[in-house]
Amino acid sequence: MNRIIIVCLLFISFKGTTQPKPFRIGIAGLTHSHVHWILGRAKTGDLEIVGIAEPNRALAERFLKQYNLPMSLVYPSLVEMLNKTSPEAVTAFSSIEEHLEVVRVCAPRKIHVMVEKPLAVSLEQAKEMEALATRHGIILLTNYETTWYGSNEAAVEKLKGMGHIRKIVVHDGHQGPKEIGVNAEFLEWLTDPVKNGGGAITDFGCYGANLITWLLKGERPISVFALTQQLKPEVYPNVDDEATIVVEYAHAQGIIQASWNWPYSRKDMEVYATTGSVFADRDGIKVKSDPNAEAQFIRTAAPAAPRHDPFALFAAVVRKEMELSKVDLSSLDNNMIVMEILEAAKQSAREGRRVKLQ
């Protein structure tokens, strides 16, 4: 009898700890070098890359060899990959211009989509993507590197005791994509005004728009003013390489600094509230709540799972294990406001005037 009880208890214990099936995900494109993120995650066990749509076979061979993945995963088109593999979701690592086509193909099939930042090359394309996602009931997320910094959540917690946010300054940039040595396939479309929607203003301006929208709880701006420059026209003849965007709100101001001209890479922000300030970067936050005291640096850890990683979060949302708020950094609502800001910023830079949104 004791043996039967022990066997039953072991069976119950084993059954209760059964691991969920890996998240079946397809990849649309390999030309965005952020794809190394998911290729490096391929063998961690929580997800399964079931197929990759990439017509450039030489690029696919190069990347898959690096991660010891089989070329049998690669299909010449997204439609063929979906027909042969039936993924739960697709993550796009193609040019920004191609995001719309990914949603056009996936949405009617009820396949959820996550794209790399920004959501689209234009507000017009973003609106079509939003309409498709709504009509077909799919999740459409946007992935930013900065979403996974534990310092952002820590900053919000500290700001709760500092009154109202008055100014947010976000810095995102590096020496330039060519200068840092991005692969040729990425550089080709990243410096194309049609395929990327702009230069630094698109590539890095979206980070600040995303974070400011999140910090201000989804508030839409009153107006946007932007200045773009070509400081290296010999390197980037077709797009801007320097951009500053000023975003006006009813009771606050956002400043977005996007650059392909800085001597080093940085992704950080400064938030000033009525009684204190918080500066946040990848490693931690610097808090100053007393004007007469030194700022205190607090090192921060990665957010708790599944908010530590884009693909874990995507799986949790698709499988209804969690629900995102409308202002969440990855959410469609947040990123539609991001697209409004970017569209107004590009118009402002072209016309040399402030563009009103309200």
Protein backbone atom coordinates (compact mmCIF):
# COMPACT_ATOMS: atom_id res chain seq x y z
CA MET A 1 0.00 0.00 0.00
CA ASN A 2 2.81 2.43 0.89
CA ARG A 3 4.44 1.74 -2.46
CA ILE A 4 1.19 2.58 -4.28
CA ILE A 5 0.86 5.85 -2.37
CA ILE A 6 4.45 6.82 -3.13
CA VAL A 7 4.03 6.01 -6.85
CA CYS A 8 0.82 8.06 -6.98
CA LEU A 9 2.47 11.03 -5.27
CA LEU A 10 5.42 10.87 -7.64
CA PHE A 11 3.03 10.76 -10.61
CA ILE A 12 1.11 13.78 -9.34
CA SER A 13 4.35 15.66 -8.68
CA PHE A 14 5.71 14.84 -12.14
CA LYS A 15 2.44 15.79 -13.83
CA GLY A 16 2.35 19.12 -11.97
CA THR A 17 5.83 20.09 -13.16
CA THR A 18 5.36 19.23 -16.83
CA GLN A 19 7.07 21.93 -18.90
CA PRO A 20 4.95 23.84 -21.43
CA LYS A 21 5.55 23.13 -25.09
CA PRO A 22 8.13 25.41 -26.72
CA PHE A 23 6.71 28.52 -28.36
CA ARG A 24 6.57 27.78 -32.10
CA ILE A 25 7.85 30.90 -33.82
CA GLY A 26 8.74 31.81 -37.40
CA ILE A 27 11.22 34.46 -38.51
CA ALA A 28 10.41 36.85 -41.35
CA GLY A 29 13.73 38.07 -42.76
CA LEU A 30 17.32 38.07 -41.59
CA THR A 31 18.55 41.45 -42.86
CA HIS A 32 18.03 43.24 -39.52
CA SER A 33 21.05 42.35 -37.40
CA HIS A 34 18.93 42.30 -34.23
CA VAL A 35 17.98 38.82 -35.50
CA HIS A 36 21.07 37.54 -33.70
CA TRP A 37 19.00 37.97 -30.53
CA ILE A 38 16.56 35.19 -31.43
CA LEU A 39 19.09 33.02 -33.27
CA GLY A 40 21.13 33.00 -30.07
CA ARG A 41 18.01 31.89 -28.18
CA ALA A 42 17.18 29.02 -30.52
CA LYS A 43 18.44 26.27 -28.24
CA THR A 44 17.32 27.54 -24.84
CA GLY A 45 14.28 25.26 -24.86
CA ASP A 46 11.43 27.71 -24.32
CA LEU A 47 10.96 28.45 -28.02
CA GLU A 48 11.30 26.59 -31.28
CA ILE A 49 12.22 28.33 -34.51
CA VAL A 50 10.07 26.37 -36.96
CA GLY A 51 10.98 28.30 -40.10
CA ILE A 52 12.82 31.29 -41.51
CA ALA A 53 11.65 33.26 -44.55
CA GLU A 54 14.73 34.71 -46.27
CA PRO A 55 15.34 34.84 -50.05
CA ASN A 56 19.04 35.72 -49.62
CA ARG A 57 20.43 32.22 -49.23
CA ALA A 58 24.03 33.35 -48.76
CA LEU A 59 22.98 35.52 -45.82
CA ALA A 60 20.95 32.65 -44.34
CA GLU A 61 23.88 30.24 -44.68
CA ARG A 62 26.22 32.69 -42.99
CA PHE A 63 23.96 33.34 -40.01
CA LEU A 64 22.72 29.80 -39.49
CA LYS A 65 26.24 28.39 -39.65
CA GLN A 66 27.21 30.82 -36.90
CA TYR A 67 24.53 29.32 -34.62
CA ASN A 68 24.80 25.73 -35.86
CA LEU A 69 21.23 25.73 -37.15
CA PRO A 70 20.10 23.64 -40.17
CA MET A 71 19.42 25.26 -43.54
CA SER A 72 16.25 23.14 -43.71
CA LEU A 73 14.66 25.91 -41.62
CA VAL A 74 14.98 28.40 -44.50
CA TYR A 75 12.22 29.11 -47.04
CA PRO A 76 12.38 31.57 -49.95
CA SER A 77 9.14 33.34 -49.00
CA LEU A 78 7.00 34.09 -45.97
CA VAL A 79 3.93 32.44 -47.53
CA GLU A 80 5.79 29.17 -48.13
CA MET A 81 7.26 29.21 -44.63
CA LEU A 82 3.81 29.69 -43.08
CA ASN A 83 2.24 26.99 -45.28
CA LYS A 84 4.91 24.44 -44.39
CA THR A 85 5.43 25.19 -40.68
CA SER A 86 2.24 26.77 -39.19
CA PRO A 87 3.92 28.82 -36.43
CA GLU A 88 2.02 30.28 -33.49
CA ALA A 89 3.61 33.64 -34.21
CA VAL A 90 6.11 35.43 -36.44
CA THR A 91 8.83 37.89 -35.53
CA ALA A 92 10.07 40.21 -38.29
CA PHE A 93 13.75 41.01 -38.86
CA SER A 94 13.47 42.56 -42.30
CA SER A 95 13.49 46.20 -43.38
CA ILE A 96 10.97 48.48 -41.69
CA GLU A 97 9.18 48.94 -45.02
CA GLU A 98 8.52 45.17 -45.13
CA HIS A 99 6.68 45.15 -41.78
CA LEU A 100 3.40 45.98 -43.50
CA GLU A 101 3.65 43.01 -45.86
CA VAL A 102 4.42 40.67 -42.96
CA VAL A 103 1.19 41.76 -41.25
CA ARG A 104 -0.76 41.57 -44.52
CA VAL A 105 0.29 37.93 -44.88
CA CYS A 106 0.05 36.86 -41.24
CA ALA A 107 -3.06 38.65 -39.97
CA PRO A 108 -5.66 36.84 -42.15
CA ARG A 109 -4.10 33.55 -40.98
CA LYS A 110 -4.55 34.60 -37.33
CA ILE A 111 -0.78 34.50 -36.82
CA HIS A 112 0.49 37.00 -34.26
CA VAL A 113 3.35 39.34 -35.18
CA MET A 114 6.18 41.14 -33.41
CA VAL A 115 8.32 43.59 -35.40
CA GLU A 116 11.55 45.34 -34.58
CA LYS A 117 11.34 49.04 -33.83
CA PRO A 118 9.84 51.21 -35.17
CA LEU A 119 6.44 49.80 -36.05
CA ALA A 120 6.40 51.12 -39.63
CA VAL A 121 8.06 53.55 -42.05
CA SER A 122 5.07 55.90 -41.98
CA LEU A 123 1.90 56.64 -40.06
CA GLU A 124 -0.14 55.60 -43.09
CA GLN A 125 1.42 52.14 -43.12
CA ALA A 126 1.09 51.87 -39.33
CA LYS A 127 -2.64 52.60 -39.59
CA GLU A 128 -3.08 49.82 -42.14
CA MET A 129 -1.19 47.43 -39.87
CA GLU A 130 -3.35 48.47 -36.91
CA ALA A 131 -6.52 47.94 -38.95
CA LEU A 132 -5.40 44.47 -40.05
CA ALA A 133 -4.48 43.46 -36.50
CA THR A 134 -7.84 44.68 -35.18
CA ARG A 135 -9.90 43.10 -37.97
CA HIS A 136 -8.27 39.69 -37.64
CA GLY A 137 -7.80 39.72 -33.87
CA ILE A 138 -4.04 39.27 -33.78
CA ILE A 139 -1.47 40.65 -31.37
CA LEU A 140 0.95 43.13 -32.96
CA LEU A 141 3.92 44.10 -30.81
CA THR A 142 7.02 46.25 -31.37
CA ASN A 143 10.37 45.28 -29.86
CA TYR A 144 12.89 47.82 -28.53
CA GLU A 145 16.16 46.93 -26.83
CA THR A 146 15.46 49.46 -24.07
CA THR A 147 12.22 47.68 -23.08
CA TRP A 148 14.30 45.02 -21.36
CA TYR A 149 16.36 47.37 -19.17
CA GLY A 150 15.51 46.86 -15.50
CA SER A 151 16.49 50.48 -14.93
CA ASN A 152 13.34 51.74 -16.66
CA GLU A 153 10.98 50.00 -14.23
CA ALA A 154 13.15 51.12 -11.32
CA ALA A 155 13.00 54.72 -12.58
CA VAL A 156 9.20 54.65 -12.67
CA GLU A 157 9.06 53.39 -9.09
CA LYS A 158 11.30 56.22 -7.86
CA LEU A 159 9.36 58.83 -9.83
CA LYS A 160 6.14 57.91 -8.03
CA GLY A 161 7.30 59.89 -5.01
CA MET A 162 8.53 62.94 -6.94
CA GLY A 163 5.34 64.62 -8.06
CA HIS A 164 4.62 65.39 -11.72
CA ILE A 165 7.01 64.72 -14.60
CA ARG A 166 8.04 68.01 -16.20
CA LYS A 167 10.82 67.14 -18.64
CA ILE A 168 12.14 63.94 -20.22
CA VAL A 169 15.38 63.91 -22.22
CA VAL A 170 16.19 60.68 -24.05
CA HIS A 171 19.57 60.01 -25.70
CA ASP A 172 19.95 57.21 -28.22
CA GLY A 173 22.78 56.89 -30.69
CA HIS A 174 26.25 55.71 -31.64
CA GLN A 175 29.05 56.52 -34.06
CA GLY A 176 26.93 55.52 -37.07
CA PRO A 177 25.89 52.17 -38.57
CA LYS A 178 28.74 52.13 -41.09
CA GLU A 179 31.26 53.21 -38.46
CA ILE A 180 30.28 50.43 -36.05
CA GLY A 181 30.45 47.86 -38.85
CA VAL A 182 26.90 46.60 -39.36
CA ASN A 183 26.63 43.93 -42.05
CA ALA A 184 26.08 45.04 -45.65
CA GLU A 185 22.56 43.64 -45.89
CA PHE A 186 21.49 45.72 -42.87
CA LEU A 187 23.32 48.87 -43.95
CA GLU A 188 21.71 48.78 -47.41
CA TRP A 189 18.18 49.39 -46.15
CA LEU A 190 19.02 51.24 -42.92
CA THR A 191 20.39 54.13 -44.98
CA ASP A 192 17.52 54.11 -47.49
CA PRO A 193 14.82 56.75 -46.82
CA VAL A 194 12.09 54.52 -48.28
CA LYS A 195 13.03 51.20 -46.69
CA ASN A 196 13.82 52.70 -43.27
CA GLY A 197 11.61 55.78 -43.35
CA GLY A 198 14.55 58.05 -42.53
CA GLY A 199 17.99 57.90 -40.95
CA ALA A 200 18.83 58.58 -37.32
CA ILE A 201 15.44 60.22 -36.79
CA THR A 202 13.79 56.83 -37.43
CA ASP A 203 16.48 54.46 -36.21
CA PHE A 204 16.97 56.15 -32.85
CA GLY A 205 14.18 58.73 -32.58
CA CYS A 206 11.65 55.97 -32.03
CA TYR A 207 13.24 54.93 -28.71
CA GLY A 208 12.60 58.29 -27.10
CA ALA A 209 9.06 58.55 -28.47
CA ASN A 210 8.32 55.08 -27.07
CA LEU A 211 9.72 55.78 -23.60
CA ILE A 212 8.14 59.22 -23.28
CA THR A 213 4.73 57.84 -24.29
CA TRP A 214 5.11 55.15 -21.64
CA LEU A 215 6.25 57.53 -18.91
CA LEU A 216 3.38 59.92 -19.64
CA LYS A 217 0.85 57.07 -19.60
CA GLY A 218 -0.16 57.26 -23.23
CA GLU A 219 -0.74 61.00 -23.41
CA ARG A 220 -0.78 62.32 -26.97
CA PRO A 221 1.44 65.34 -27.67
CA ILE A 222 0.16 68.80 -28.47
CA SER A 223 2.91 69.50 -30.98
CA VAL A 224 6.26 68.34 -32.33
CA PHE A 225 9.25 70.33 -33.57
CA ALA A 226 12.31 68.66 -35.09
CA LEU A 227 15.68 69.52 -36.58
CA THR A 228 17.59 67.03 -38.72
CA GLN A 229 21.06 67.36 -40.24
CA GLN A 230 23.48 65.54 -42.49
CA LEU A 231 26.77 66.01 -40.68
CA LYS A 232 28.34 63.24 -42.78
CA PRO A 233 26.73 63.58 -46.23
CA GLU A 234 29.64 61.73 -47.79
CA VAL A 235 28.76 58.69 -45.67
CA TYR A 236 24.96 59.02 -45.53
CA PRO A 237 23.95 60.99 -48.63
CA ASN A 238 20.28 59.98 -48.63
CA VAL A 239 19.20 60.26 -44.99
CA ASP A 240 19.74 62.37 -41.89
CA ASP A 241 22.41 61.31 -39.41
CA GLU A 242 21.53 63.76 -36.62
CA ALA A 243 18.09 64.59 -35.19
CA THR A 244 16.62 66.46 -32.25
CA ILE A 245 12.88 66.25 -31.58
CA VAL A 246 11.02 68.47 -29.11
CA VAL A 247 7.64 67.09 -28.06
CA GLU A 248 5.14 69.38 -26.31
CA TYR A 249 2.60 68.08 -23.79
CA ALA A 250 0.04 69.93 -21.66
CA HIS A 251 2.23 69.88 -18.55
CA ALA A 252 5.55 68.44 -19.72
CA GLN A 253 8.16 68.50 -22.46
CA GLY A 254 10.07 65.69 -24.13
CA ILE A 255 13.41 66.06 -25.90
CA ILE A 256 14.62 63.20 -28.08
CA GLN A 257 18.26 63.21 -29.19
CA ALA A 258 19.01 60.70 -31.96
CA SER A 259 22.48 60.49 -33.45
CA TRP A 260 24.79 58.60 -35.75
CA ASN A 261 27.60 60.98 -34.75
CA TRP A 262 28.46 60.30 -31.12
CA PRO A 263 31.92 59.01 -30.16
CA TYR A 264 30.36 56.02 -28.38
CA SER A 265 27.05 54.19 -28.07
CA ARG A 266 24.50 55.32 -25.50
CA LYS A 267 20.89 54.60 -24.62
CA ASP A 268 19.79 56.52 -21.56
CA MET A 269 17.28 59.04 -20.30
CA GLU A 270 16.88 61.86 -17.81
CA VAL A 271 13.52 62.43 -16.14
CA TYR A 272 12.88 65.60 -14.16
CA ALA A 273 9.85 65.79 -11.86
CA THR A 274 8.61 68.53 -9.53
CA THR A 275 10.61 67.35 -6.51
CA GLY A 276 13.45 65.25 -7.93
CA SER A 277 15.06 63.57 -10.90
CA VAL A 278 16.01 60.11 -12.10
CA PHE A 279 18.65 59.32 -14.73
CA ALA A 280 18.50 55.80 -16.17
CA ASP A 281 20.81 53.77 -18.39
CA ARG A 282 21.29 50.06 -19.04
CA ASP A 283 23.09 49.43 -15.74
CA GLY A 284 21.04 51.38 -13.21
CA ILE A 285 19.52 54.64 -12.08
CA LYS A 286 20.87 57.81 -10.53
CA VAL A 287 18.34 59.33 -8.13
CA LYS A 288 18.34 62.88 -6.78
CA SER A 289 15.41 63.68 -4.50
CA ASP A 290 17.21 66.26 -2.36
CA PRO A 291 18.64 69.31 -4.16
CA ASN A 292 21.30 69.65 -1.47
CA ALA A 293 22.45 66.02 -1.54
CA GLU A 294 24.54 64.00 -3.97
CA ALA A 295 22.69 61.83 -6.47
CA GLN A 296 22.48 58.18 -5.44
CA PHE A 297 23.37 55.48 -7.98
CA ILE A 298 21.40 52.23 -7.74
CA ARG A 299 22.43 49.27 -9.85
CA THR A 300 19.39 47.46 -11.25
CA ALA A 301 18.79 43.85 -12.22
CA ALA A 302 16.96 42.58 -15.29
CA PRO A 303 13.15 42.59 -15.00
CA ALA A 304 11.47 39.42 -13.81
CA ALA A 305 10.39 36.86 -16.40
CA PRO A 306 8.73 37.11 -18.82
CA ARG A 307 9.55 40.84 -18.96
CA HIS A 308 13.26 40.13 -19.27
CA ASP A 309 13.16 39.13 -22.93
CA PRO A 310 11.05 39.98 -26.02
CA PHE A 311 10.37 36.40 -27.08
CA ALA A 312 9.36 35.22 -23.61
CA LEU A 313 6.98 38.18 -23.34
CA PHE A 314 5.60 37.55 -26.83
CA ALA A 315 4.89 33.91 -25.94
CA ALA A 316 3.21 34.87 -22.65
CA VAL A 317 0.93 37.39 -24.38
CA VAL A 318 0.05 35.09 -27.29
CA ARG A 319 -0.74 32.24 -24.91
CA LYS A 320 -2.84 34.57 -22.72
CA GLU A 321 -0.61 34.06 -19.69
CA MET A 322 -0.43 37.83 -19.31
CA GLU A 323 -2.09 40.92 -20.75
CA LEU A 324 -0.28 44.10 -21.72
CA SER A 325 -1.60 47.52 -20.81
CA LYS A 326 -2.32 49.96 -23.63
CA VAL A 327 0.69 52.07 -22.65
CA ASP A 328 3.12 49.15 -22.40
CA LEU A 329 6.37 49.75 -24.28
CA SER A 330 5.62 46.86 -26.66
CA SER A 331 1.92 47.61 -27.17
CA LEU A 332 0.25 48.66 -30.40
CA ASP A 333 -1.43 51.66 -28.76
CA ASN A 334 1.87 53.04 -27.50
CA ASN A 335 3.54 52.52 -30.85
CA MET A 336 0.77 54.18 -32.83
CA ILE A 337 1.52 57.33 -30.80
CA VAL A 338 5.23 56.77 -31.53
CA MET A 339 4.38 56.78 -35.22
CA GLU A 340 2.41 60.02 -34.84
CA ILE A 341 5.44 61.64 -33.22
CA LEU A 342 7.87 60.37 -35.87
CA GLU A 343 5.59 61.40 -38.73
CA ALA A 344 5.19 64.90 -37.27
CA ALA A 345 8.93 65.11 -36.61
CA LYS A 346 9.80 64.32 -40.22
CA GLN A 347 7.25 66.84 -41.44
CA SER A 348 8.58 69.46 -39.03
CA ALA A 349 12.16 68.91 -40.17
CA ARG A 350 11.16 69.20 -43.82
CA GLU A 351 9.07 72.34 -43.36
CA GLY A 352 11.03 74.03 -40.57
CA ARG A 353 8.01 74.58 -38.35
CA ARG A 354 6.20 73.20 -35.32
CA VAL A 355 3.58 70.60 -36.26
CA LYS A 356 0.43 70.49 -34.13
CA LEU A 357 -1.17 67.14 -33.31
CA GLN A 358 -4.12 68.46 -31.31
